N, C-alpha and C. Protein backbone atom coordinates (compact mmCIF):
# COMPACT_ATOMS: atom_id res chain seq x y z
N MET A 1 1.73 11.75 -1.65
CA MET A 1 2.32 11.66 -0.06
C MET A 1 1.78 10.41 0.43
N GLU A 2 2.36 9.57 0.99
CA GLU A 2 1.74 8.52 1.90
C GLU A 2 1.20 9.06 3.01
N VAL A 3 0.30 8.47 3.46
CA VAL A 3 -0.38 8.74 4.46
C VAL A 3 -0.50 7.57 5.39
N ARG A 4 0.00 7.77 6.90
CA ARG A 4 -0.56 6.79 7.64
C ARG A 4 -1.27 6.79 8.45
N SER A 5 -1.97 5.82 8.96
CA SER A 5 -2.44 6.09 10.35
C SER A 5 -1.78 5.89 11.63
N ARG A 6 -2.43 5.91 12.69
CA ARG A 6 -1.69 6.48 13.67
C ARG A 6 -1.23 4.80 14.52
N ASP A 7 -1.43 3.80 13.99
CA ASP A 7 -1.13 2.83 14.88
C ASP A 7 0.07 2.12 13.53
N SER A 8 0.20 2.86 12.39
CA SER A 8 0.66 2.07 11.68
C SER A 8 2.34 3.38 12.09
N THR A 9 1.86 3.48 12.40
CA THR A 9 3.59 5.19 12.60
C THR A 9 3.73 4.41 13.90
N GLU A 10 3.15 4.13 14.81
CA GLU A 10 2.89 3.64 16.18
C GLU A 10 3.64 2.31 16.11
N CYS A 11 3.32 1.43 15.06
CA CYS A 11 4.49 0.32 14.38
C CYS A 11 5.40 0.23 14.52
N ALA A 12 5.80 1.81 13.71
CA ALA A 12 7.03 1.87 12.34
C ALA A 12 7.80 2.36 13.74
N ARG A 13 7.81 2.88 15.04
CA ARG A 13 8.32 3.31 15.49
C ARG A 13 9.07 2.70 16.61
N THR A 14 7.83 1.56 17.34
CA THR A 14 8.03 0.96 17.97
C THR A 14 9.43 -0.45 17.72
N ARG A 15 9.31 -0.33 16.55
CA ARG A 15 10.25 -1.34 15.61
C ARG A 15 11.59 -0.97 15.36
N SER A 16 11.61 0.52 15.09
CA SER A 16 12.99 1.68 15.22
C SER A 16 13.55 1.21 16.35
N ASP A 17 12.69 1.67 17.45
CA ASP A 17 13.23 0.95 18.75
C ASP A 17 13.43 0.12 19.16
N ARG A 18 13.22 -1.13 18.80
CA ARG A 18 13.33 -2.35 19.21
C ARG A 18 14.96 -2.39 18.20
N ILE A 19 14.93 -2.26 17.02
CA ILE A 19 16.59 -1.80 15.96
C ILE A 19 17.21 -1.08 16.63
N LEU A 20 16.75 0.35 17.18
CA LEU A 20 17.74 1.22 17.67
C LEU A 20 18.47 0.07 19.63
N LYS A 21 17.33 -0.44 19.71
CA LYS A 21 18.13 -0.67 21.82
C LYS A 21 18.59 -2.08 20.97
N ARG A 22 18.66 -2.89 20.01
CA ARG A 22 19.64 -3.75 20.16
C ARG A 22 20.76 -3.74 19.08
N THR A 23 21.02 -2.63 18.04
CA THR A 23 22.24 -2.08 18.03
C THR A 23 22.74 -1.01 19.58
N ILE A 24 22.10 -0.50 20.04
CA ILE A 24 22.55 -0.21 21.26
C ILE A 24 23.52 -1.51 22.18
N MET A 25 22.62 -2.35 22.43
CA MET A 25 23.29 -3.27 23.23
C MET A 25 24.25 -4.01 22.67
N GLN A 26 24.94 -4.40 21.05
CA GLN A 26 25.84 -4.81 20.46
C GLN A 26 26.87 -3.31 20.56
N THR A 27 27.09 -2.46 20.81
CA THR A 27 27.48 -1.38 20.61
C THR A 27 28.42 -0.60 21.74
N VAL A 28 27.39 -0.62 23.12
CA VAL A 28 28.06 -0.01 24.33
C VAL A 28 28.20 -0.78 24.84
N ASN A 29 29.31 -0.30 25.77
CA ASN A 29 30.04 -1.17 27.18
C ASN A 29 29.06 -1.43 28.08
N PHE A 30 28.84 -3.30 28.50
CA PHE A 30 27.73 -3.87 29.38
C PHE A 30 29.26 -4.79 30.01
N PRO A 31 30.09 -4.14 31.42
CA PRO A 31 30.53 -5.29 32.03
C PRO A 31 30.30 -6.75 32.24
N SER A 32 31.43 -7.34 32.93
CA SER A 32 30.49 -8.83 32.99
C SER A 32 30.38 -8.52 35.01
N VAL A 33 30.26 -9.83 35.51
CA VAL A 33 30.13 -9.70 37.20
C VAL A 33 31.81 -9.79 37.47
N SER A 34 32.42 -10.12 36.84
CA SER A 34 33.93 -10.12 37.16
C SER A 34 34.33 -9.52 37.69
N ASP A 35 34.04 -8.25 36.29
CA ASP A 35 34.60 -7.16 36.28
C ASP A 35 34.16 -5.81 37.51
N VAL A 36 33.10 -6.43 37.64
CA VAL A 36 31.99 -5.75 39.30
C VAL A 36 32.86 -6.19 40.44
N ASP A 37 33.16 -7.48 40.35
CA ASP A 37 33.87 -8.05 41.47
C ASP A 37 34.98 -7.30 42.05
N SER A 38 35.90 -6.91 40.54
CA SER A 38 37.07 -6.51 40.48
C SER A 38 37.01 -5.02 40.83
N ALA A 39 35.53 -4.57 40.63
CA ALA A 39 35.58 -3.21 41.20
C ALA A 39 35.20 -2.90 42.52
N ILE A 40 35.13 -3.97 42.70
CA ILE A 40 34.16 -3.70 44.41
C ILE A 40 35.61 -4.16 45.23
N THR A 41 36.50 -5.26 44.62
CA THR A 41 38.40 -5.04 45.45
C THR A 41 38.35 -3.71 45.38
N GLU A 42 38.64 -3.34 44.42
CA GLU A 42 39.65 -1.95 44.17
C GLU A 42 38.76 -0.59 45.57
N PHE A 43 37.13 -1.10 45.25
CA PHE A 43 37.15 0.53 45.54
C PHE A 43 37.02 -0.69 47.91
N ASN A 44 36.86 -1.59 48.48
CA ASN A 44 37.36 -1.69 49.26
C ASN A 44 38.75 -1.74 49.47
N ARG A 45 39.74 -1.16 48.71
CA ARG A 45 41.02 -1.81 48.96
C ARG A 45 41.70 0.02 49.14
N ASP A 46 41.05 0.74 48.24
CA ASP A 46 41.34 2.05 47.67
C ASP A 46 40.65 3.09 49.21
N PHE A 47 39.15 2.70 48.99
CA PHE A 47 38.56 4.02 50.08
C PHE A 47 37.44 2.56 51.30
N PRO A 48 39.09 2.71 51.95
CA PRO A 48 37.79 1.55 52.79
C PRO A 48 37.22 3.09 54.18
N ARG A 49 36.51 1.92 54.93
CA ARG A 49 35.20 2.41 55.23
C ARG A 49 34.29 1.82 56.87
N PRO A 50 36.13 1.88 57.89
CA PRO A 50 36.00 1.26 58.79
C PRO A 50 34.81 1.57 59.69
N LYS A 51 34.27 2.18 59.76
CA LYS A 51 32.75 2.25 60.31
C LYS A 51 31.65 1.14 59.45
N MET A 52 32.16 1.21 58.56
CA MET A 52 31.26 0.45 57.59
C MET A 52 31.58 -0.67 57.35
N GLY A 53 32.83 -0.83 57.08
CA GLY A 53 33.39 -2.46 56.43
C GLY A 53 33.95 -2.32 54.94
N ALA A 54 34.07 -3.49 55.24
CA ALA A 54 33.90 -3.68 53.39
C ALA A 54 32.42 -4.11 52.87
N ILE A 55 32.34 -3.20 51.45
CA ILE A 55 31.01 -3.90 50.80
C ILE A 55 31.38 -4.67 50.16
N VAL A 56 29.58 -5.79 50.39
CA VAL A 56 29.99 -6.97 49.56
C VAL A 56 28.52 -6.81 48.89
N LEU A 57 28.93 -7.62 47.33
CA LEU A 57 27.98 -7.71 46.56
C LEU A 57 26.81 -9.25 46.92
N SER A 58 25.78 -8.61 46.66
CA SER A 58 24.61 -10.30 47.22
C SER A 58 25.03 -11.08 45.73
N LEU A 59 24.07 -12.64 46.63
CA LEU A 59 23.95 -13.36 44.92
C LEU A 59 23.04 -12.93 44.15
N PRO A 60 23.04 -13.40 43.02
CA PRO A 60 21.83 -13.11 41.74
C PRO A 60 20.56 -13.28 42.53
N TYR A 61 19.96 -12.34 42.49
CA TYR A 61 18.37 -12.30 41.92
C TYR A 61 17.77 -12.40 41.05
N HIS A 62 17.26 -13.28 40.88
CA HIS A 62 16.74 -13.88 39.05
C HIS A 62 15.30 -13.11 39.22
N ILE A 63 14.92 -12.12 37.74
CA ILE A 63 13.94 -11.65 38.34
C ILE A 63 12.41 -12.20 38.06
N VAL A 64 12.64 -13.75 36.70
CA VAL A 64 11.21 -14.06 36.85
C VAL A 64 11.35 -15.37 37.98
N ASP A 65 12.65 -15.97 38.41
CA ASP A 65 12.60 -16.97 38.74
C ASP A 65 12.07 -16.96 40.11
N ASP A 66 13.32 -15.71 40.64
CA ASP A 66 13.22 -15.82 42.32
C ASP A 66 11.09 -14.93 43.01
N PHE A 67 10.84 -14.26 41.92
CA PHE A 67 10.31 -13.12 42.20
C PHE A 67 9.16 -13.65 43.25
N ALA A 68 8.79 -14.93 42.82
CA ALA A 68 7.34 -15.42 43.63
C ALA A 68 8.00 -16.13 44.76
N PHE A 69 9.80 -16.81 45.29
CA PHE A 69 9.75 -16.56 46.76
C PHE A 69 10.71 -16.33 48.19
N GLY A 70 10.62 -15.04 46.88
CA GLY A 70 10.94 -13.96 48.31
C GLY A 70 11.27 -12.79 47.28
N SER A 71 11.78 -11.74 48.21
CA SER A 71 12.28 -10.13 47.95
C SER A 71 13.34 -9.91 48.20
N PHE A 72 13.87 -9.00 47.54
CA PHE A 72 15.04 -8.73 46.93
C PHE A 72 15.71 -8.74 48.09
N PRO A 73 17.12 -9.37 47.74
CA PRO A 73 18.34 -8.84 48.71
C PRO A 73 18.94 -7.51 48.94
N ASN A 74 18.87 -7.38 50.50
CA ASN A 74 19.27 -5.95 51.82
C ASN A 74 18.01 -5.52 51.36
N SER A 75 16.48 -6.47 50.65
CA SER A 75 15.46 -5.14 50.42
C SER A 75 15.02 -4.02 51.32
N ALA A 76 15.00 -4.04 52.49
CA ALA A 76 15.42 -3.43 53.38
C ALA A 76 16.09 -2.32 53.51
N ALA A 77 17.48 -2.61 53.58
CA ALA A 77 17.84 -1.59 53.20
C ALA A 77 18.65 -0.39 52.40
N ALA A 78 19.55 0.39 52.60
CA ALA A 78 19.70 1.76 51.61
C ALA A 78 21.22 0.73 50.88
N GLY A 79 21.34 1.15 49.61
CA GLY A 79 22.28 0.71 49.10
C GLY A 79 22.56 0.56 47.72
N VAL A 80 22.97 0.20 46.60
CA VAL A 80 23.19 0.04 45.17
C VAL A 80 22.79 -1.17 44.95
N TYR A 81 22.00 -1.03 44.28
CA TYR A 81 21.75 -2.30 42.89
C TYR A 81 22.27 -2.17 41.75
N LEU A 82 22.33 -3.68 41.13
CA LEU A 82 22.98 -3.97 40.10
C LEU A 82 22.90 -4.46 39.02
N VAL A 83 22.05 -4.42 38.16
CA VAL A 83 21.28 -4.70 37.23
C VAL A 83 21.74 -5.72 35.92
N PHE A 84 21.62 -6.77 35.33
CA PHE A 84 22.49 -7.89 34.47
C PHE A 84 21.35 -8.30 33.94
N ASP A 85 21.58 -8.53 31.82
CA ASP A 85 21.04 -9.17 31.33
C ASP A 85 21.31 -11.11 31.85
N ARG A 86 20.97 -12.11 30.49
CA ARG A 86 20.92 -13.30 30.98
C ARG A 86 22.21 -13.64 30.80
N GLU A 87 22.99 -12.44 30.17
CA GLU A 87 24.67 -13.49 30.20
C GLU A 87 25.35 -12.47 31.25
N ASP A 88 24.97 -11.95 32.57
CA ASP A 88 25.66 -11.87 33.07
C ASP A 88 26.30 -10.10 32.78
N ARG A 89 25.77 -9.99 32.10
CA ARG A 89 26.36 -8.68 31.55
C ARG A 89 26.20 -7.29 32.23
N LEU A 90 26.20 -6.46 32.75
CA LEU A 90 25.86 -5.04 33.89
C LEU A 90 25.19 -4.36 33.15
N LEU A 91 24.01 -4.13 32.76
CA LEU A 91 23.29 -3.30 32.29
C LEU A 91 23.10 -1.65 32.96
N TYR A 92 22.99 -1.70 34.25
CA TYR A 92 22.51 -0.34 34.98
C TYR A 92 22.97 -0.50 37.05
N VAL A 93 23.78 0.45 36.69
CA VAL A 93 23.57 0.85 38.79
C VAL A 93 22.80 2.01 39.32
N GLY A 94 22.67 1.57 40.67
CA GLY A 94 21.19 2.96 40.76
C GLY A 94 21.69 2.67 42.27
N LYS A 95 20.73 3.07 42.84
CA LYS A 95 21.02 3.92 44.38
C LYS A 95 19.82 4.28 45.05
N ALA A 96 19.50 3.49 45.86
CA ALA A 96 18.20 3.91 46.68
C ALA A 96 18.83 4.01 48.58
N ASP A 97 17.03 4.76 48.87
CA ASP A 97 17.14 4.73 50.24
C ASP A 97 16.87 3.56 50.65
N GLY A 98 15.75 2.81 49.78
CA GLY A 98 15.06 1.55 50.33
C GLY A 98 15.09 0.92 49.31
N LEU A 99 16.19 -0.34 48.86
CA LEU A 99 16.25 -1.18 47.66
C LEU A 99 15.17 -1.60 47.57
N GLY A 100 13.92 -2.46 48.48
CA GLY A 100 13.23 -2.90 47.56
C GLY A 100 12.20 -2.37 47.02
N LYS A 101 11.62 -1.09 48.41
CA LYS A 101 11.28 0.17 47.79
C LYS A 101 11.58 0.00 45.88
N ARG A 102 12.42 0.25 45.86
CA ARG A 102 13.09 0.62 44.64
C ARG A 102 13.10 0.54 43.74
N LEU A 103 13.56 -1.36 43.86
CA LEU A 103 13.67 -2.04 42.62
C LEU A 103 11.68 -2.32 42.38
N GLY A 104 11.04 -2.21 43.37
CA GLY A 104 9.93 -2.46 43.25
C GLY A 104 9.31 -1.71 42.11
N THR A 105 9.79 -0.63 41.44
CA THR A 105 9.49 0.70 40.83
C THR A 105 10.21 -0.04 38.78
N HIS A 106 10.88 -0.65 39.26
CA HIS A 106 11.74 -1.28 37.78
C HIS A 106 10.61 -2.89 37.55
N PHE A 107 10.70 -3.65 38.77
CA PHE A 107 10.15 -4.79 38.39
C PHE A 107 8.59 -5.08 39.43
N GLY A 108 8.07 -5.43 38.67
CA GLY A 108 6.72 -6.19 39.06
C GLY A 108 6.43 -7.60 39.25
N TRP A 109 4.76 -7.93 39.85
CA TRP A 109 4.49 -9.40 39.68
C TRP A 109 4.09 -9.24 37.68
N ASN A 110 3.85 -10.85 37.55
CA ASN A 110 2.51 -11.20 36.05
C ASN A 110 1.69 -11.10 37.12
N PRO A 111 0.61 -10.97 35.69
CA PRO A 111 -0.92 -11.19 36.26
C PRO A 111 -1.91 -12.02 37.43
N ASP A 112 -0.67 -13.23 37.08
CA ASP A 112 -1.28 -14.69 38.20
C ASP A 112 -0.12 -14.84 39.64
N ARG A 113 0.16 -13.17 39.62
CA ARG A 113 1.48 -12.92 40.55
C ARG A 113 2.29 -14.26 40.68
N THR A 114 2.34 -15.26 39.49
CA THR A 114 3.61 -16.36 39.69
C THR A 114 4.84 -16.43 39.90
N ALA A 115 5.91 -14.87 38.91
CA ALA A 115 6.77 -14.56 38.90
C ALA A 115 6.85 -13.16 38.43
N GLY A 116 7.88 -12.67 38.25
CA GLY A 116 7.97 -11.26 38.36
C GLY A 116 8.55 -10.84 36.61
N PHE A 117 8.12 -9.67 35.93
CA PHE A 117 8.79 -9.51 35.43
C PHE A 117 9.21 -7.59 35.40
N VAL A 118 9.65 -7.84 34.52
CA VAL A 118 10.06 -6.04 33.76
C VAL A 118 9.21 -4.79 33.83
N LYS A 119 9.09 -3.67 34.67
CA LYS A 119 7.92 -3.01 34.56
C LYS A 119 8.70 -1.66 33.56
N ASN A 120 9.77 -1.24 33.97
CA ASN A 120 10.96 -0.08 33.01
C ASN A 120 11.65 -0.63 31.67
N PRO A 121 10.86 0.31 30.54
CA PRO A 121 11.17 -0.32 29.14
C PRO A 121 13.11 -0.11 29.00
N LYS A 122 13.68 0.81 29.96
CA LYS A 122 14.88 0.81 29.57
C LYS A 122 15.54 -0.58 30.15
N LEU A 123 14.77 -1.55 31.12
CA LEU A 123 15.26 -2.43 31.48
C LEU A 123 15.05 -3.97 31.09
N GLU A 124 14.54 -3.59 29.77
CA GLU A 124 13.96 -4.92 29.05
C GLU A 124 14.27 -5.70 28.46
N ASN A 125 16.17 -5.83 28.90
CA ASN A 125 17.01 -7.08 28.82
C ASN A 125 17.35 -7.28 30.36
N ALA A 126 16.56 -6.41 31.20
CA ALA A 126 17.39 -7.03 32.78
C ALA A 126 16.39 -8.68 32.85
N HIS A 127 17.89 -9.22 33.32
CA HIS A 127 17.59 -11.01 33.95
C HIS A 127 17.76 -11.21 35.53
N ALA A 128 18.87 -10.56 36.30
CA ALA A 128 19.06 -10.38 37.70
C ALA A 128 19.55 -8.65 38.17
N VAL A 129 18.95 -8.95 39.56
CA VAL A 129 19.52 -8.03 40.49
C VAL A 129 20.34 -8.16 40.69
N ARG A 130 21.35 -7.69 41.56
CA ARG A 130 22.79 -7.55 42.63
C ARG A 130 22.60 -6.55 44.10
N THR A 131 22.60 -6.21 44.76
CA THR A 131 22.67 -5.18 45.78
C THR A 131 23.69 -5.67 46.44
N ILE A 132 23.80 -4.10 47.22
CA ILE A 132 25.15 -4.13 47.92
C ILE A 132 24.41 -3.04 49.03
N GLY A 133 23.88 -4.13 50.44
CA GLY A 133 23.40 -3.07 51.70
C GLY A 133 24.23 -2.91 52.24
N LEU A 134 23.11 -1.75 53.49
CA LEU A 134 24.22 -0.91 53.51
C LEU A 134 24.00 -0.60 55.31
N PRO A 135 24.89 -0.14 55.94
CA PRO A 135 24.00 -0.27 57.22
C PRO A 135 23.51 0.72 57.92
N ALA A 136 22.02 1.11 58.32
CA ALA A 136 21.23 2.08 58.80
C ALA A 136 22.22 3.04 58.79
N GLU A 137 22.94 3.34 59.41
CA GLU A 137 23.91 4.75 59.63
C GLU A 137 24.93 4.77 58.92
N SER A 138 25.04 3.70 57.86
CA SER A 138 25.94 4.41 56.52
C SER A 138 25.01 4.73 54.78
N TRP A 139 23.93 4.91 55.58
CA TRP A 139 23.23 5.57 54.08
C TRP A 139 23.53 6.52 52.67
N PHE A 140 24.25 7.56 53.34
CA PHE A 140 24.74 8.26 52.43
C PHE A 140 26.11 8.14 51.95
N GLU A 141 26.84 6.80 52.60
CA GLU A 141 27.72 5.78 51.14
C GLU A 141 27.24 5.78 49.77
N ALA A 142 26.28 5.46 49.80
CA ALA A 142 25.38 4.45 48.47
C ALA A 142 26.04 5.28 47.37
N ALA A 143 25.23 6.90 47.84
CA ALA A 143 25.53 7.68 45.78
C ALA A 143 27.54 7.53 46.28
N ALA A 144 28.48 7.68 47.18
CA ALA A 144 29.77 7.55 46.82
C ALA A 144 30.43 6.11 46.09
N ILE A 145 29.18 5.15 46.27
CA ILE A 145 29.49 3.51 45.96
C ILE A 145 29.28 3.53 44.41
N GLU A 146 27.95 4.30 44.06
CA GLU A 146 27.38 4.07 43.52
C GLU A 146 27.89 4.96 42.01
N ALA A 147 28.54 6.42 41.99
CA ALA A 147 29.47 6.67 41.36
C ALA A 147 30.48 6.39 41.16
N PHE A 148 31.11 5.67 42.20
CA PHE A 148 32.35 5.48 41.39
C PHE A 148 32.44 3.38 40.73
N LEU A 149 31.24 3.09 40.91
CA LEU A 149 31.31 1.68 40.08
C LEU A 149 30.59 2.41 38.83
N ILE A 150 29.80 3.26 38.57
CA ILE A 150 29.63 3.86 37.51
C ILE A 150 30.65 4.59 36.23
N ARG A 151 31.36 5.56 37.41
CA ARG A 151 32.50 6.15 36.99
C ARG A 151 34.14 4.68 36.31
N LYS A 152 33.81 3.95 36.88
CA LYS A 152 35.17 2.70 36.84
C LYS A 152 34.50 1.53 36.08
N LEU A 153 32.84 1.48 35.78
CA LEU A 153 32.28 0.50 35.06
C LEU A 153 31.80 0.57 34.02
N ASP A 154 31.37 2.20 33.66
CA ASP A 154 30.53 2.79 32.62
C ASP A 154 29.65 1.66 32.27
N PRO A 155 28.64 0.63 32.95
CA PRO A 155 27.42 0.38 32.33
C PRO A 155 26.74 1.12 31.15
N GLY A 156 26.01 0.27 30.05
CA GLY A 156 25.55 1.16 28.85
C GLY A 156 24.32 1.86 29.45
N LEU A 157 23.62 1.93 30.21
CA LEU A 157 22.53 2.45 30.72
C LEU A 157 22.24 3.34 31.42
N ASN A 158 23.47 3.84 31.82
CA ASN A 158 23.92 4.76 32.86
C ASN A 158 24.56 6.12 32.12
N VAL A 159 23.67 7.06 32.15
CA VAL A 159 23.92 8.13 31.33
C VAL A 159 23.96 9.21 32.26
N VAL A 160 23.47 9.48 33.61
CA VAL A 160 24.11 10.19 34.52
C VAL A 160 25.31 9.93 35.52
N GLY A 161 26.42 10.71 35.41
CA GLY A 161 28.09 10.05 36.35
C GLY A 161 28.78 9.43 35.77
N ARG A 162 29.10 9.48 34.46
CA ARG A 162 30.04 8.93 33.52
C ARG A 162 30.90 9.82 33.30
N GLU A 163 32.09 9.10 33.36
CA GLU A 163 33.49 10.06 33.04
C GLU A 163 33.43 10.77 31.46
N THR A 164 33.16 12.19 31.70
CA THR A 164 33.52 12.80 29.98
C THR A 164 34.13 13.02 29.91
N SER A 165 35.18 13.54 28.92
CA SER A 165 36.13 13.62 28.40
C SER A 165 36.58 14.98 27.71
């Protein structure tokens, strides 16, 4: 009978987790920025919001490079955030009443506060964030936009809201 120390068991589990994550990254759907742009165009065409106007995707905010220079796009607004990897593949779609506060739970400062880092292990491959900010009076639209984008794009790390057959 093999007896493993707690450290070697945790190390084996960590190694297994890394292999599993690498396998998932290779087999799960990760749409491109172009796919996201097409979905937003479709949403604006098929579900116009007269009081809100067309939804617009922000420019990318690079987690490591941009973190020391300013806040997340639309940080004070309610809205939807989209997390991309280094190859601009969509990893995750989420919604928030305050985008800056919510994104702050996923990303933080390095120890010398010169760059950002990923706090949430699920998003360890995150490289950039884009947001869709909403007018204050339309905060409730975030849920519909998030649900549409998850159903349409099926990002690999989203579990809730996916189309089921």
